[in-house]
Amino acid sequence: MSEPRDEFLSEEDLDLKNLTDDELSAWWLTWLRMAQATNDLDAGAYSHGVFDWDPSVPRPGR
């Protein structure tokens, strides 16, 4: 059985161990900013338990 792999990323994209500290830091900050940009929209989202959305938090657009 082969390990799951993200098909959208190239081998170069997945080769994090060969990035410089500055390159890794830049990618980390980019990811963090992108993740933080949706905080207001996904405040009630979570990925454990039986629900995929906190029932006490209204879904955006509904």
Protein backbone atom coordinates (compact mmCIF):
# COMPACT_ATOMS: atom_id res chain seq x y z
CA MET A 1 0.00 0.00 0.00
CA SER A 2 1.38 3.41 -0.92
CA GLU A 3 1.18 6.46 1.30
CA PRO A 4 -1.42 9.12 0.46
CA ARG A 5 0.06 12.05 -1.41
CA ASP A 6 -1.24 15.46 -2.36
CA GLU A 7 -1.38 15.30 -6.14
CA PHE A 8 -1.48 19.08 -6.49
CA LEU A 9 2.01 19.65 -5.13
CA SER A 10 5.20 18.94 -7.06
CA GLU A 11 8.09 16.96 -5.62
CA GLU A 12 9.90 20.28 -5.21
CA ASP A 13 6.97 21.72 -3.24
CA LEU A 14 6.97 18.71 -0.93
CA ASP A 15 10.74 18.82 -0.31
CA LEU A 16 10.57 20.97 2.84
CA LYS A 17 13.76 19.61 4.38
CA ASN A 18 15.86 21.32 1.68
CA LEU A 19 14.37 24.78 2.15
CA THR A 20 16.45 27.43 3.83
CA ASP A 21 15.19 28.79 7.14
CA ASP A 22 14.12 31.99 5.38
CA GLU A 23 12.21 30.08 2.67
CA LEU A 24 10.47 27.88 5.24
CA SER A 25 9.58 30.92 7.33
CA ALA A 26 8.16 32.71 4.27
CA TRP A 27 5.95 29.71 3.37
CA TRP A 28 4.82 29.33 6.97
CA LEU A 29 3.82 33.00 7.20
CA THR A 30 1.99 32.77 3.85
CA TRP A 31 0.02 29.75 5.06
CA LEU A 32 -0.72 31.41 8.41
CA ARG A 33 -2.02 34.60 6.78
CA MET A 34 -4.24 32.57 4.44
CA ALA A 35 -5.62 30.53 7.33
CA GLN A 36 -6.29 33.62 9.45
CA ALA A 37 -8.14 35.35 6.60
CA THR A 38 -11.12 33.00 7.00
CA ASN A 39 -11.46 33.14 10.80
CA ASP A 40 -14.77 35.03 10.71
CA LEU A 41 -16.23 32.70 8.09
CA ASP A 42 -15.30 29.39 9.73
CA ALA A 43 -15.61 30.20 13.43
CA GLY A 44 -18.13 27.41 13.92
CA ALA A 45 -16.34 24.77 11.82
CA TYR A 46 -14.57 21.84 13.42
CA SER A 47 -13.51 18.41 12.26
CA HIS A 48 -14.18 16.09 15.16
CA GLY A 49 -17.23 14.58 16.80
CA VAL A 50 -20.51 14.01 15.03
CA PHE A 51 -21.03 17.55 13.75
CA ASP A 52 -19.02 19.43 11.15
CA TRP A 53 -20.39 22.77 12.40
CA ASP A 54 -21.09 24.01 15.92
CA PRO A 55 -24.91 24.07 16.08
CA SER A 56 -24.82 27.17 18.30
CA VAL A 57 -22.97 29.23 15.64
CA PRO A 58 -24.98 30.43 12.61
CA ARG A 59 -23.48 29.45 9.28
CA PRO A 60 -22.44 32.37 7.08
CA GLY A 61 -24.87 33.07 4.26
CA ARG A 62 -27.79 31.28 5.92
